[in-house]
Amino acid sequence: MGTERTFSKNLEDRSFMLTTLQEMAAQVAARLQVLNLAGHTVHIKARFHDFTTVTRAYTATEGIGSADAIAAWLPELLERAVPKGASVRLLGITVSGLVYVLAARRVVHQMSLLDEIHNLR
């Protein structure tokens, strides 16, 4: 699940790029929350003036679904995707590896031996 935006003028300001990605993260997170979904991988996409497209991703072991959780990885991903001084004409963000929120919680919860014994009673 994701979104992308093509700009009428190429962006050169990295802080504006990051702010734009954070706004997109909030949009994607809102859609994920409405559907009770979380993802495991955050991708960003950057297209340059010559139409070269680069994607970078981060995969987490826990479900990522909130705007803050998505946005936490954006500075690093932007740094890896867009070289200093480069201008971009398109930015996008996607969250993939989607799971239902309840399923995501079960995946990351590790039972202790005491939980197992208690459940047998």
C-alpha atoms as a PDB file:
ATOM      1  CA  MET A   1       0.000   0.000   0.000  1.00  0.00           C
ATOM      2  CA  GLY A   2       1.514   3.298  -0.952  1.00  0.00           C
ATOM      3  CA  THR A   3       1.385   6.670  -2.596  1.00  0.00           C
ATOM      4  CA  GLU A   4       3.621   8.735  -4.833  1.00  0.00           C
ATOM      5  CA  ARG A   5       3.746  12.288  -6.061  1.00  0.00           C
ATOM      6  CA  THR A   6       5.177  13.788  -9.250  1.00  0.00           C
ATOM      7  CA  PHE A   7       6.277  17.399  -8.883  1.00  0.00           C
ATOM      8  CA  SER A   8       5.823  20.116 -11.490  1.00  0.00           C
ATOM      9  CA  LYS A   9       9.310  21.390 -10.627  1.00  0.00           C
ATOM     10  CA  ASN A  10      12.204  19.149  -9.594  1.00  0.00           C
ATOM     11  CA  LEU A  11      12.891  19.179  -5.852  1.00  0.00           C
ATOM     12  CA  GLU A  12      16.393  19.976  -4.654  1.00  0.00           C
ATOM     13  CA  ASP A  13      15.715  20.793  -0.985  1.00  0.00           C
ATOM     14  CA  ARG A  14      16.309  17.627   1.059  1.00  0.00           C
ATOM     15  CA  SER A  15      14.347  18.904   4.057  1.00  0.00           C
ATOM     16  CA  PHE A  16      11.330  19.487   1.802  1.00  0.00           C
ATOM     17  CA  MET A  17      11.788  15.971   0.360  1.00  0.00           C
ATOM     18  CA  LEU A  18      11.763  14.531   3.895  1.00  0.00           C
ATOM     19  CA  THR A  19       8.716  16.586   4.896  1.00  0.00           C
ATOM     20  CA  THR A  20       6.895  15.377   1.774  1.00  0.00           C
ATOM     21  CA  LEU A  21       7.744  11.754   2.568  1.00  0.00           C
ATOM     22  CA  GLN A  22       6.522  12.217   6.149  1.00  0.00           C
ATOM     23  CA  GLU A  23       3.198  13.562   4.858  1.00  0.00           C
ATOM     24  CA  MET A  24       2.925  10.540   2.570  1.00  0.00           C
ATOM     25  CA  ALA A  25       3.716   8.260   5.521  1.00  0.00           C
ATOM     26  CA  ALA A  26       0.764   9.752   7.404  1.00  0.00           C
ATOM     27  CA  GLN A  27      -1.528   9.098   4.425  1.00  0.00           C
ATOM     28  CA  VAL A  28      -0.375   5.489   4.070  1.00  0.00           C
ATOM     29  CA  ALA A  29      -0.607   4.893   7.838  1.00  0.00           C
ATOM     30  CA  ALA A  30      -4.182   6.206   7.898  1.00  0.00           C
ATOM     31  CA  ARG A  31      -5.186   3.760   5.154  1.00  0.00           C
ATOM     32  CA  LEU A  32      -3.407   0.890   6.914  1.00  0.00           C
ATOM     33  CA  GLN A  33      -5.171   1.649  10.201  1.00  0.00           C
ATOM     34  CA  VAL A  34      -8.616   1.798   8.565  1.00  0.00           C
ATOM     35  CA  LEU A  35      -8.005  -1.697   7.183  1.00  0.00           C
ATOM     36  CA  ASN A  36      -6.358  -3.011  10.402  1.00  0.00           C
ATOM     37  CA  LEU A  37      -3.149  -3.729   8.528  1.00  0.00           C
ATOM     38  CA  ALA A  38       0.539  -3.370   9.251  1.00  0.00           C
ATOM     39  CA  GLY A  39       3.496  -4.103   7.031  1.00  0.00           C
ATOM     40  CA  HIS A  40       7.019  -5.335   7.476  1.00  0.00           C
ATOM     41  CA  THR A  41       8.820  -3.339   4.770  1.00  0.00           C
ATOM     42  CA  VAL A  42       8.957   0.404   4.116  1.00  0.00           C
ATOM     43  CA  HIS A  43      10.060   1.393   0.594  1.00  0.00           C
ATOM     44  CA  ILE A  44      10.790   4.799  -0.817  1.00  0.00           C
ATOM     45  CA  LYS A  45      10.967   5.581  -4.508  1.00  0.00           C
ATOM     46  CA  ALA A  46      12.802   8.503  -6.098  1.00  0.00           C
ATOM     47  CA  ARG A  47      12.754   9.433  -9.773  1.00  0.00           C
ATOM     48  CA  PHE A  48      15.371  11.869 -11.003  1.00  0.00           C
ATOM     49  CA  HIS A  49      15.326  14.507 -13.766  1.00  0.00           C
ATOM     50  CA  ASP A  50      16.598  11.950 -16.317  1.00  0.00           C
ATOM     51  CA  PHE A  51      13.787   9.511 -15.325  1.00  0.00           C
ATOM     52  CA  THR A  52      16.191   7.157 -13.556  1.00  0.00           C
ATOM     53  CA  THR A  53      14.250   5.528 -10.707  1.00  0.00           C
ATOM     54  CA  VAL A  54      15.752   4.276  -7.459  1.00  0.00           C
ATOM     55  CA  THR A  55      14.058   2.399  -4.619  1.00  0.00           C
ATOM     56  CA  ARG A  56      15.373   1.693  -1.159  1.00  0.00           C
ATOM     57  CA  ALA A  57      13.725  -0.375   1.566  1.00  0.00           C
ATOM     58  CA  TYR A  58      13.915  -1.342   5.212  1.00  0.00           C
ATOM     59  CA  THR A  59      12.383  -4.564   6.542  1.00  0.00           C
ATOM     60  CA  ALA A  60      11.447  -4.892  10.208  1.00  0.00           C
ATOM     61  CA  THR A  61      10.632  -7.976  12.242  1.00  0.00           C
ATOM     62  CA  GLU A  62       7.640  -6.241  13.855  1.00  0.00           C
ATOM     63  CA  GLY A  63       4.632  -4.829  12.061  1.00  0.00           C
ATOM     64  CA  ILE A  64       4.944  -1.209  10.916  1.00  0.00           C
ATOM     65  CA  GLY A  65       1.646   0.621  10.673  1.00  0.00           C
ATOM     66  CA  SER A  66       1.755   4.006  12.380  1.00  0.00           C
ATOM     67  CA  ALA A  67       2.943   7.210  10.753  1.00  0.00           C
ATOM     68  CA  ASP A  68       5.709   7.486  13.370  1.00  0.00           C
ATOM     69  CA  ALA A  69       6.927   3.939  12.751  1.00  0.00           C
ATOM     70  CA  ILE A  70       7.031   4.530   8.997  1.00  0.00           C
ATOM     71  CA  ALA A  71       8.609   7.982   9.327  1.00  0.00           C
ATOM     72  CA  ALA A  72      11.356   6.684  11.617  1.00  0.00           C
ATOM     73  CA  TRP A  73      13.091   5.070   8.627  1.00  0.00           C
ATOM     74  CA  LEU A  74      12.613   7.887   6.121  1.00  0.00           C
ATOM     75  CA  PRO A  75      15.790   9.920   6.824  1.00  0.00           C
ATOM     76  CA  GLU A  76      18.028   6.877   6.337  1.00  0.00           C
ATOM     77  CA  LEU A  77      16.150   5.673   3.252  1.00  0.00           C
ATOM     78  CA  LEU A  78      16.240   9.153   1.703  1.00  0.00           C
ATOM     79  CA  GLU A  79      19.968   9.375   2.394  1.00  0.00           C
ATOM     80  CA  ARG A  80      20.529   6.043   0.630  1.00  0.00           C
ATOM     81  CA  ALA A  81      18.233   6.823  -2.320  1.00  0.00           C
ATOM     82  CA  VAL A  82      19.021  10.430  -3.209  1.00  0.00           C
ATOM     83  CA  PRO A  83      22.647  11.577  -3.501  1.00  0.00           C
ATOM     84  CA  LYS A  84      23.522  14.988  -2.073  1.00  0.00           C
ATOM     85  CA  GLY A  85      22.816  17.711  -4.617  1.00  0.00           C
ATOM     86  CA  ALA A  86      20.485  15.548  -6.733  1.00  0.00           C
ATOM     87  CA  SER A  87      17.050  16.777  -7.705  1.00  0.00           C
ATOM     88  CA  VAL A  88      13.973  14.555  -7.845  1.00  0.00           C
ATOM     89  CA  ARG A  89      10.809  14.816  -9.899  1.00  0.00           C
ATOM     90  CA  LEU A  90       8.890  12.037  -8.103  1.00  0.00           C
ATOM     91  CA  LEU A  91       8.831  10.669  -4.568  1.00  0.00           C
ATOM     92  CA  GLY A  92       6.871   7.695  -3.332  1.00  0.00           C
ATOM     93  CA  ILE A  93       6.433   5.561  -0.260  1.00  0.00           C
ATOM     94  CA  THR A  94       5.082   2.031   0.037  1.00  0.00           C
ATOM     95  CA  VAL A  95       4.529  -0.354   2.921  1.00  0.00           C
ATOM     96  CA  SER A  96       4.555  -4.022   1.902  1.00  0.00           C
ATOM     97  CA  GLY A  97       4.494  -7.433   3.525  1.00  0.00           C
ATOM     98  CA  LEU A  98       1.037  -6.613   4.846  1.00  0.00           C
ATOM     99  CA  VAL A  99      -0.552  -8.574   7.663  1.00  0.00           C
ATOM    100  CA  TYR A 100      -3.645  -8.031   9.762  1.00  0.00           C
ATOM    101  CA  VAL A 101      -2.779  -6.206  12.961  1.00  0.00           C
ATOM    102  CA  LEU A 102      -3.948  -9.079  15.186  1.00  0.00           C
ATOM    103  CA  ALA A 103      -1.888 -11.559  13.181  1.00  0.00           C
ATOM    104  CA  ALA A 104       1.123  -9.253  13.414  1.00  0.00           C
ATOM    105  CA  ARG A 105       0.814  -9.147  17.189  1.00  0.00           C
ATOM    106  CA  ARG A 106       0.701 -12.956  17.387  1.00  0.00           C
ATOM    107  CA  VAL A 107       3.780 -13.261  15.193  1.00  0.00           C
ATOM    108  CA  VAL A 108       5.917 -11.017  17.396  1.00  0.00           C
ATOM    109  CA  HIS A 109       4.645 -12.367  20.726  1.00  0.00           C
ATOM    110  CA  GLN A 110       6.823 -15.131  22.054  1.00  0.00           C
ATOM    111  CA  MET A 111       5.208 -17.358  24.623  1.00  0.00           C
ATOM    112  CA  SER A 112       7.103 -18.332  27.717  1.00  0.00           C
ATOM    113  CA  LEU A 113       7.123 -21.864  29.069  1.00  0.00           C
ATOM    114  CA  LEU A 114       4.853 -20.694  31.888  1.00  0.00           C
ATOM    115  CA  ASP A 115       2.261 -19.516  29.322  1.00  0.00           C
ATOM    116  CA  GLU A 116       2.303 -23.000  27.788  1.00  0.00           C
ATOM    117  CA  ILE A 117       1.821 -24.710  31.157  1.00  0.00           C
ATOM    118  CA  HIS A 118      -0.955 -22.301  32.124  1.00  0.00           C
ATOM    119  CA  ASN A 119      -2.810 -22.985  28.840  1.00  0.00           C
ATOM    120  CA  LEU A 120      -2.754 -26.761  29.473  1.00  0.00           C
ATOM    121  CA  ARG A 121      -4.692 -26.397  32.740  1.00  0.00           C
END
